[in-house]
Protein backbone atom coordinates (compact mmCIF):
# COMPACT_ATOMS: atom_id res chain seq x y z
CA GLN A 1 17.61 -0.43 -4.86
CA LEU A 2 17.94 1.22 -2.12
CA GLN A 3 15.41 0.53 1.02
CA ALA A 4 15.24 2.26 3.41
CA SER A 5 12.92 1.71 6.66
CA GLY A 6 12.94 2.19 10.56
CA GLY A 7 10.96 5.64 10.70
CA GLY A 8 8.74 6.49 12.96
CA LEU A 9 7.90 8.54 15.76
CA VAL A 10 9.73 9.10 19.02
CA GLN A 11 9.72 11.58 21.64
CA ALA A 12 12.68 13.84 22.75
CA GLY A 13 15.93 11.22 24.18
CA GLY A 14 14.62 8.49 22.62
CA SER A 15 16.38 6.34 20.09
CA LEU A 16 15.81 5.18 16.03
CA ARG A 17 18.06 2.55 14.35
CA LEU A 18 17.20 3.36 10.48
CA SER A 19 17.87 0.39 8.05
CA CYS A 20 18.68 1.34 4.13
CA ALA A 21 18.91 -2.54 2.22
CA VAL A 22 20.36 -2.67 -1.15
CA SER A 23 19.52 -4.85 -3.95
CA GLY A 24 19.79 -4.97 -7.25
CA ILE A 25 23.22 -3.21 -7.73
CA THR A 26 26.35 -4.04 -6.72
CA TRP A 27 27.37 -3.85 -3.29
CA ASP A 28 30.81 -2.88 -3.94
CA ASP A 29 29.78 -0.22 -6.25
CA TYR A 30 28.61 2.25 -4.96
CA VAL A 31 28.75 3.94 -0.97
CA ILE A 32 25.62 4.20 1.11
CA GLY A 33 24.96 7.74 2.67
CA TRP A 34 22.44 8.81 4.60
CA PHE A 35 20.55 12.78 3.98
CA ARG A 36 17.60 13.53 5.56
CA GLN A 37 14.79 17.04 4.63
CA ALA A 38 12.70 18.72 7.18
CA PRO A 39 9.91 20.48 6.27
CA GLY A 40 10.80 23.91 4.19
CA LYS A 41 14.82 23.08 3.91
CA GLU A 42 17.35 21.49 1.83
CA ARG A 43 18.19 17.94 1.92
CA GLU A 44 21.74 17.93 3.93
CA GLY A 45 23.61 15.59 4.13
CA VAL A 46 24.21 13.29 7.49
CA SER A 47 26.31 10.17 7.28
CA CYS A 48 28.01 8.44 4.94
CA MET A 49 30.49 5.03 4.90
CA GLY A 50 32.88 4.19 2.16
CA VAL A 51 33.95 0.99 0.29
CA ASP A 52 36.04 0.72 3.93
CA SER A 53 33.59 0.49 7.38
CA TRP A 54 36.43 2.52 9.30
CA ASN A 55 35.97 5.57 6.61
CA THR A 56 33.00 6.98 7.84
CA HIS A 57 31.71 10.78 7.27
CA TYR A 58 29.56 12.60 9.88
CA TYR A 59 28.11 15.71 8.40
CA LEU A 60 26.28 16.84 11.31
CA PRO A 61 28.21 18.80 14.58
CA GLU A 62 26.39 16.76 16.97
CA SER A 63 28.08 13.38 17.38
CA ARG A 64 23.99 11.71 18.12
CA PHE A 65 24.21 9.26 15.06
CA THR A 66 26.77 6.63 13.93
CA LEU A 67 26.54 4.32 11.07
CA SER A 68 26.95 0.61 10.76
CA ARG A 69 26.98 -1.93 8.17
CA SER A 70 26.26 -5.71 7.64
CA ASP A 71 28.01 -6.71 4.17
CA ALA A 72 25.90 -10.10 4.51
CA THR A 73 22.65 -8.69 4.07
CA LYS A 74 23.68 -5.82 2.49
CA THR A 75 22.57 -2.93 4.79
CA VAL A 76 23.85 0.47 6.27
CA TYR A 77 22.50 1.19 9.29
CA LEU A 78 22.12 5.26 10.99
CA HIS A 79 21.50 4.64 14.73
CA LEU A 80 20.09 7.96 16.07
CA LYS A 81 19.89 8.98 19.73
CA ASN A 82 19.31 11.37 21.85
CA LEU A 83 16.88 12.55 19.45
CA GLN A 84 15.68 16.06 19.64
CA PRO A 85 12.57 17.61 17.82
CA GLU A 86 15.02 19.25 15.49
CA ASP A 87 16.13 16.44 13.67
CA THR A 88 12.45 15.80 12.66
CA ALA A 89 12.72 14.52 8.74
CA VAL A 90 12.23 12.33 5.90
CA TYR A 91 15.71 10.56 6.03
CA TYR A 92 17.11 9.34 3.15
CA CYS A 93 19.77 7.00 2.45
CA GLY A 94 21.46 6.96 -1.27
CA GLY A 95 24.54 5.46 -3.26
CA LEU A 96 27.55 7.36 -4.35
CA ILE A 97 30.68 6.94 -6.14
CA ARG A 98 32.32 8.54 -3.07
CA CYS A 99 31.29 10.25 -0.06
CA SER A 100 29.84 13.63 -0.18
CA SER A 101 27.70 15.64 1.90
CA TYR A 102 25.83 16.81 -0.84
CA TYR A 103 22.70 15.46 -2.68
CA HIS A 104 23.43 16.64 -5.51
CA ASP A 105 26.08 14.19 -5.91
CA VAL A 106 23.66 11.15 -5.24
CA ARG A 107 23.51 8.53 -7.47
CA LYS A 108 20.42 6.33 -6.62
CA TRP A 109 18.09 7.55 -4.05
CA GLY A 110 15.69 5.01 -2.01
CA GLN A 111 12.39 6.48 -1.07
CA GLY A 112 12.59 8.35 2.70
CA THR A 113 11.14 7.32 6.22
CA LEU A 114 9.55 9.28 8.23
CA VAL A 115 11.56 10.45 11.65
CA THR A 116 9.26 12.59 13.83
CA VAL A 117 10.52 13.56 17.62
CA SER A 118 7.59 14.94 19.62
CA SER A 119 8.94 17.46 22.86
C-alpha cells in the first residue's frame, strides 16, 4: 500500500515535503510517481523516479519540485519549494510499472494529501 502524507496549509513562497511510504508490495516491482489534482481539473503528473534514482522525470514546466528516495524506509519524498496558489491541489503518489505522466498508467494509488497555498 502507498501512504501519502505531509500536506498542509502554507503561504505563497513556502515549502513542504510530501512523503509516500510504501508497504505491503515489493519495493522493486514498482516505480513511484507523484500526481496532483486541483479543484475542477484533471489529475496531472508531477514527477516520477525510476528504479535508478538518477532516472527522475519532472512533468511540470517549473523546476520548483524535486524528488528523493530512501530505500531503507521505502519512502519517496516530493520536495515542494516556492509554492504558489496555483499549486493548491490534492497530491497523490502512485505505483507504476514504468514512469509516466498519465494517471491511467498508475497501478496502485495512495490516498492523497491536500496542499493549500494561500496568497
